[in-house]
Amino acid sequence: MFQLLKNDRGAIFLIAIALLFFVTTFVLTYCTSYEIQFRTYDDLEKLNIRATINLLGQILSDSVES
């Protein structure tokens, strides 16, 4: 292992692997965060649509009873 670090190619390879690990971790974290945020907004939209349908149904049933 230390033989690889004695020349420039071994050190650069080790730095490249570490950089690849950090960049990959950052990209995966960012994508996961975006997906969770998108899913949250999608669930809120579905909830508001369902609430609107229920409200319109209630208004319609109140107007029919009157």
C-alpha atoms as a PDB file:
ATOM      1  CA  MET A   1       0.000   0.000   0.000  1.00  0.00           C
ATOM      2  CA  PHE A   2       2.732   2.445   0.892  1.00  0.00           C
ATOM      3  CA  GLN A   3       4.580   1.532  -2.303  1.00  0.00           C
ATOM      4  CA  LEU A   4       1.686   3.038  -4.272  1.00  0.00           C
ATOM      5  CA  LEU A   5       1.879   6.320  -2.358  1.00  0.00           C
ATOM      6  CA  LYS A   6       5.572   6.756  -3.066  1.00  0.00           C
ATOM      7  CA  ASN A   7       4.983   7.738  -6.679  1.00  0.00           C
ATOM      8  CA  ASP A   8       2.649  10.392  -8.046  1.00  0.00           C
ATOM      9  CA  ARG A   9       0.286   7.996  -9.793  1.00  0.00           C
ATOM     10  CA  GLY A  10      -0.565   6.141  -6.590  1.00  0.00           C
ATOM     11  CA  ALA A  11      -1.310   9.324  -4.660  1.00  0.00           C
ATOM     12  CA  ILE A  12      -3.425  10.734  -7.475  1.00  0.00           C
ATOM     13  CA  PHE A  13      -5.348   7.452  -7.709  1.00  0.00           C
ATOM     14  CA  LEU A  14      -6.094   7.533  -3.980  1.00  0.00           C
ATOM     15  CA  ILE A  15      -7.211  11.179  -4.159  1.00  0.00           C
ATOM     16  CA  ALA A  16      -9.381  10.430  -7.209  1.00  0.00           C
ATOM     17  CA  ILE A  17     -11.103   7.538  -5.446  1.00  0.00           C
ATOM     18  CA  ALA A  18     -11.773   9.690  -2.363  1.00  0.00           C
ATOM     19  CA  LEU A  19     -13.101  12.538  -4.526  1.00  0.00           C
ATOM     20  CA  LEU A  20     -15.323  10.125  -6.436  1.00  0.00           C
ATOM     21  CA  PHE A  21     -16.730   8.815  -3.152  1.00  0.00           C
ATOM     22  CA  PHE A  22     -17.522  12.322  -1.837  1.00  0.00           C
ATOM     23  CA  VAL A  23     -19.059  13.542  -5.094  1.00  0.00           C
ATOM     24  CA  THR A  24     -21.176  10.405  -5.443  1.00  0.00           C
ATOM     25  CA  THR A  25     -22.374  10.735  -1.856  1.00  0.00           C
ATOM     26  CA  PHE A  26     -23.269  14.395  -2.412  1.00  0.00           C
ATOM     27  CA  VAL A  27     -25.174  13.676  -5.640  1.00  0.00           C
ATOM     28  CA  LEU A  28     -27.121  10.794  -4.096  1.00  0.00           C
ATOM     29  CA  THR A  29     -28.001  12.909  -1.058  1.00  0.00           C
ATOM     30  CA  TYR A  30     -29.146  15.778  -3.276  1.00  0.00           C
ATOM     31  CA  CYS A  31     -31.276  13.493  -5.467  1.00  0.00           C
ATOM     32  CA  THR A  32     -32.859  11.817  -2.445  1.00  0.00           C
ATOM     33  CA  SER A  33     -33.661  15.200  -0.907  1.00  0.00           C
ATOM     34  CA  TYR A  34     -35.252  16.383  -4.155  1.00  0.00           C
ATOM     35  CA  GLU A  35     -37.312  13.200  -4.431  1.00  0.00           C
ATOM     36  CA  ILE A  36     -38.591  13.530  -0.858  1.00  0.00           C
ATOM     37  CA  GLN A  37     -39.509  17.181  -1.447  1.00  0.00           C
ATOM     38  CA  PHE A  38     -41.287  16.319  -4.710  1.00  0.00           C
ATOM     39  CA  ARG A  39     -43.189  13.492  -3.028  1.00  0.00           C
ATOM     40  CA  THR A  40     -44.254  15.836  -0.200  1.00  0.00           C
ATOM     41  CA  TYR A  41     -45.645  18.413  -2.634  1.00  0.00           C
ATOM     42  CA  ASP A  42     -47.390  15.669  -4.594  1.00  0.00           C
ATOM     43  CA  ASP A  43     -49.039  14.330  -1.418  1.00  0.00           C
ATOM     44  CA  LEU A  44     -50.152  17.843  -0.428  1.00  0.00           C
ATOM     45  CA  GLU A  45     -51.682  18.346  -3.852  1.00  0.00           C
ATOM     46  CA  LYS A  46     -53.604  15.070  -3.592  1.00  0.00           C
ATOM     47  CA  LEU A  47     -54.793  16.031  -0.113  1.00  0.00           C
ATOM     48  CA  ASN A  48     -56.038  19.420  -1.310  1.00  0.00           C
ATOM     49  CA  ILE A  49     -57.811  17.859  -4.293  1.00  0.00           C
ATOM     50  CA  ARG A  50     -59.564  15.379  -1.993  1.00  0.00           C
ATOM     51  CA  ALA A  51     -60.554  18.201   0.401  1.00  0.00           C
ATOM     52  CA  THR A  52     -61.955  20.217  -2.500  1.00  0.00           C
ATOM     53  CA  ILE A  53     -63.981  17.245  -3.756  1.00  0.00           C
ATOM     54  CA  ASN A  54     -65.368  16.654  -0.256  1.00  0.00           C
ATOM     55  CA  LEU A  55     -66.251  20.340   0.117  1.00  0.00           C
ATOM     56  CA  LEU A  56     -68.011  20.460  -3.243  1.00  0.00           C
ATOM     57  CA  GLY A  57     -69.899  17.279  -2.375  1.00  0.00           C
ATOM     58  CA  GLN A  58     -70.993  18.804   0.910  1.00  0.00           C
ATOM     59  CA  ILE A  59     -72.147  22.004  -0.815  1.00  0.00           C
ATOM     60  CA  LEU A  60     -74.046  19.973  -3.405  1.00  0.00           C
ATOM     61  CA  SER A  61     -75.770  17.822  -0.773  1.00  0.00           C
ATOM     62  CA  ASP A  62     -76.692  20.929   1.245  1.00  0.00           C
ATOM     63  CA  SER A  63     -78.221  22.584  -1.821  1.00  0.00           C
ATOM     64  CA  VAL A  64     -80.223  19.446  -2.688  1.00  0.00           C
ATOM     65  CA  GLU A  65     -81.623  19.209   0.862  1.00  0.00           C
ATOM     66  CA  SER A  66     -82.782  22.837   0.834  1.00  0.00           C
END
